[in-house]
Amino acid sequence: MERITITLEEDLLKEIDALSEERGYQSRSEALRDMAREVLAREATESGEPLGNDQLCYGSLTYVYDHAIRDLPNRLTDNHHAHHALSIATTHVHINAQNCLEVSLLAGTAGDLRKFADSVSSQRGVRYGKLHIIPLIGRLSGPLTGALAAGGDASPHSGGSHDDHDH
């Protein structure tokens, strides 16, 4: 690591200190490093240069759908199974008597995540769909990074049976 010196307005420093305390950072340096990483990741996904389809990413797909639409819950489940190599986990919430909310955590290339998100969001009865992509940049790593970089199947479904999810 390199040590740098920066100059900040007093009010901005107070806000950074308050945020650091609120989030439990041990130092200003840790807080500022996380802020810089967040901005760099956001810039990589929101800049004028689109994120390349081959860029390895994590993602979250949030969508709301009408579970009463004929076969929609089954079509969504089948779609998830057809893209099992991208799926890490899905959380399902019953919003009310008609609507369900799901959040799917994904890992794969940006192009594959976009295609999957489009295939879910475009289903008749899906009322809202939003994909949030987090590119793997710099030293970012996690449990799936090695498998993704090696071109392997990062799916928790690979390599055996599972019985821990609902349909």
Protein backbone atom coordinates (compact mmCIF):
# COMPACT_ATOMS: atom_id res chain seq x y z
CA MET A 1 0.00 0.00 0.00
CA GLU A 2 1.00 3.57 -0.54
CA ARG A 3 0.43 6.39 1.90
CA ILE A 4 -1.07 9.57 0.46
CA THR A 5 -2.11 12.91 1.89
CA ILE A 6 -5.42 14.50 0.99
CA THR A 7 -7.07 17.75 1.97
CA LEU A 8 -10.77 17.78 2.84
CA GLU A 9 -13.20 20.42 3.99
CA GLU A 10 -14.02 20.17 7.69
CA ASP A 11 -17.73 19.43 7.03
CA LEU A 12 -16.89 16.63 4.59
CA LEU A 13 -14.44 15.09 7.07
CA LYS A 14 -17.14 15.16 9.77
CA GLU A 15 -19.52 13.31 7.43
CA ILE A 16 -16.86 10.71 6.61
CA ASP A 17 -16.10 10.24 10.32
CA ALA A 18 -19.81 9.83 11.11
CA LEU A 19 -20.22 7.28 8.33
CA SER A 20 -17.09 5.45 9.46
CA GLU A 21 -18.41 5.19 13.00
CA GLU A 22 -21.89 4.19 11.84
CA ARG A 23 -20.54 1.40 9.63
CA GLY A 24 -17.88 0.30 12.09
CA TYR A 25 -14.74 1.13 10.11
CA GLN A 26 -11.56 0.92 12.15
CA SER A 27 -10.01 3.89 10.35
CA ARG A 28 -10.68 6.66 7.89
CA SER A 29 -8.41 4.85 5.43
CA GLU A 30 -10.67 1.79 5.41
CA ALA A 31 -13.74 3.96 4.83
CA LEU A 32 -12.11 5.93 2.03
CA ARG A 33 -10.82 2.74 0.32
CA ASP A 34 -14.36 1.31 0.30
CA MET A 35 -15.77 4.58 -1.03
CA ALA A 36 -13.19 4.61 -3.82
CA ARG A 37 -13.95 0.97 -4.74
CA GLU A 38 -17.67 1.71 -4.83
CA VAL A 39 -17.21 4.69 -7.16
CA LEU A 40 -14.84 2.73 -9.43
CA ALA A 41 -17.31 -0.17 -9.70
CA ARG A 42 -20.19 2.21 -10.40
CA GLU A 43 -18.16 4.03 -13.05
CA ALA A 44 -17.32 0.73 -14.70
CA THR A 45 -21.02 -0.06 -15.08
CA GLU A 46 -22.46 3.42 -15.68
CA SER A 47 -19.78 5.10 -17.76
CA GLY A 48 -20.19 5.98 -21.40
CA GLU A 49 -18.28 2.80 -22.21
CA PRO A 50 -20.60 -0.15 -21.66
CA LEU A 51 -19.39 -3.07 -19.60
CA GLY A 52 -18.08 -5.66 -22.02
CA ASN A 53 -20.12 -8.83 -22.45
CA ASP A 54 -17.11 -10.95 -21.46
CA GLN A 55 -16.46 -9.06 -18.20
CA LEU A 56 -16.84 -11.36 -15.18
CA CYS A 57 -19.44 -10.03 -12.77
CA TYR A 58 -21.67 -10.65 -9.85
CA GLY A 59 -25.22 -9.41 -10.16
CA SER A 60 -28.57 -9.14 -8.47
CA LEU A 61 -31.78 -9.38 -10.42
CA THR A 62 -34.83 -8.01 -8.61
CA TYR A 63 -38.26 -8.55 -10.07
CA VAL A 64 -41.95 -8.50 -9.11
CA TYR A 65 -44.45 -10.75 -10.79
CA ASP A 66 -48.10 -11.75 -10.67
CA HIS A 67 -48.10 -15.37 -9.53
CA ALA A 68 -51.65 -15.85 -10.82
CA ILE A 69 -50.57 -15.50 -14.46
CA ARG A 70 -50.93 -18.91 -16.03
CA ASP A 71 -47.76 -20.99 -15.60
CA LEU A 72 -45.60 -17.93 -14.86
CA PRO A 73 -44.11 -19.31 -11.61
CA ASN A 74 -43.26 -22.56 -13.44
CA ARG A 75 -41.78 -20.69 -16.43
CA LEU A 76 -39.62 -18.59 -14.10
CA THR A 77 -38.41 -21.68 -12.23
CA ASP A 78 -37.68 -23.49 -15.51
CA ASN A 79 -35.77 -20.43 -16.74
CA HIS A 80 -33.65 -20.42 -13.57
CA HIS A 81 -32.88 -24.11 -14.03
CA ALA A 82 -31.98 -23.53 -17.68
CA HIS A 83 -29.44 -20.92 -16.47
CA HIS A 84 -28.31 -22.79 -13.36
CA ALA A 85 -24.63 -21.98 -14.00
CA LEU A 86 -25.40 -18.29 -13.37
CA SER A 87 -27.53 -18.68 -10.26
CA ILE A 88 -26.08 -18.48 -6.77
CA ALA A 89 -29.34 -18.10 -4.82
CA THR A 90 -32.86 -16.74 -5.11
CA THR A 91 -35.01 -15.26 -2.37
CA HIS A 92 -38.78 -15.34 -2.79
CA VAL A 93 -41.15 -13.02 -0.91
CA HIS A 94 -44.96 -13.01 -1.00
CA ILE A 95 -45.81 -9.30 -1.22
CA ASN A 96 -49.57 -9.75 -1.16
CA ALA A 97 -52.23 -12.16 -2.42
CA GLN A 98 -51.28 -11.51 -6.05
CA ASN A 99 -47.64 -10.41 -6.25
CA CYS A 100 -44.30 -12.00 -5.47
CA LEU A 101 -40.87 -10.42 -5.26
CA GLU A 102 -37.73 -12.37 -6.09
CA VAL A 103 -34.10 -11.41 -5.82
CA SER A 104 -31.66 -13.66 -7.67
CA LEU A 105 -27.94 -13.46 -6.95
CA LEU A 106 -25.94 -14.25 -10.07
CA ALA A 107 -22.35 -14.77 -11.20
CA GLY A 108 -21.07 -14.94 -14.76
CA THR A 109 -20.23 -12.70 -17.66
CA ALA A 110 -22.02 -9.37 -18.04
CA GLY A 111 -23.52 -10.56 -21.33
CA ASP A 112 -24.90 -13.75 -19.81
CA LEU A 113 -26.33 -11.87 -16.82
CA ARG A 114 -28.02 -9.35 -19.14
CA LYS A 115 -29.51 -12.10 -21.34
CA PHE A 116 -30.85 -13.94 -18.30
CA ALA A 117 -32.30 -10.73 -16.82
CA ASP A 118 -34.00 -9.96 -20.14
CA SER A 119 -35.44 -13.47 -20.33
CA VAL A 120 -36.99 -13.04 -16.88
CA SER A 121 -38.13 -9.41 -17.18
CA SER A 122 -39.75 -9.94 -20.57
CA GLN A 123 -42.10 -12.68 -19.32
CA ARG A 124 -45.79 -11.72 -19.42
CA GLY A 125 -46.79 -10.97 -15.81
CA VAL A 126 -43.38 -9.73 -14.65
CA ARG A 127 -44.17 -6.17 -13.67
CA TYR A 128 -40.75 -4.93 -12.69
CA GLY A 129 -37.24 -6.18 -13.39
CA LYS A 130 -33.92 -4.56 -12.56
CA LEU A 131 -30.42 -6.00 -12.95
CA HIS A 132 -27.61 -4.57 -10.88
CA ILE A 133 -24.15 -5.64 -12.09
CA ILE A 134 -20.98 -5.53 -10.01
CA PRO A 135 -17.90 -6.07 -12.17
CA LEU A 136 -14.95 -8.05 -10.84
CA ILE A 137 -12.26 -5.39 -10.91
CA GLY A 138 -8.93 -4.93 -9.22
CA ARG A 139 -8.41 -7.20 -6.27
CA LEU A 140 -12.09 -7.95 -5.71
CA SER A 141 -12.45 -11.62 -4.91
CA GLY A 142 -14.92 -14.00 -3.40
CA PRO A 143 -15.88 -17.65 -3.29
CA LEU A 144 -16.83 -17.77 -6.97
CA THR A 145 -14.06 -15.65 -8.44
CA GLY A 146 -11.67 -18.55 -8.96
CA ALA A 147 -14.26 -20.74 -10.65
CA LEU A 148 -15.40 -17.88 -12.89
CA ALA A 149 -11.88 -16.91 -13.91
CA ALA A 150 -11.06 -20.54 -14.69
CA GLY A 151 -14.15 -20.76 -16.90
CA GLY A 152 -15.65 -23.37 -14.63
CA ASP A 153 -19.22 -23.91 -13.58
CA ALA A 154 -19.69 -21.60 -10.61
CA SER A 155 -23.15 -22.94 -9.93
CA PRO A 156 -23.96 -24.24 -6.47
CA HIS A 157 -25.98 -26.87 -8.36
CA SER A 158 -22.93 -28.40 -10.00
CA GLY A 159 -21.27 -31.48 -8.66
CA GLY A 160 -24.08 -33.17 -6.85
CA SER A 161 -27.67 -33.12 -5.80
CA HIS A 162 -29.39 -30.47 -3.76
CA ASP A 163 -32.65 -30.25 -1.94
CA ASP A 164 -32.41 -26.84 -0.31
CA HIS A 165 -34.57 -24.67 -2.56
CA ASP A 166 -38.26 -24.06 -3.00
CA HIS A 167 -40.23 -23.76 -6.19
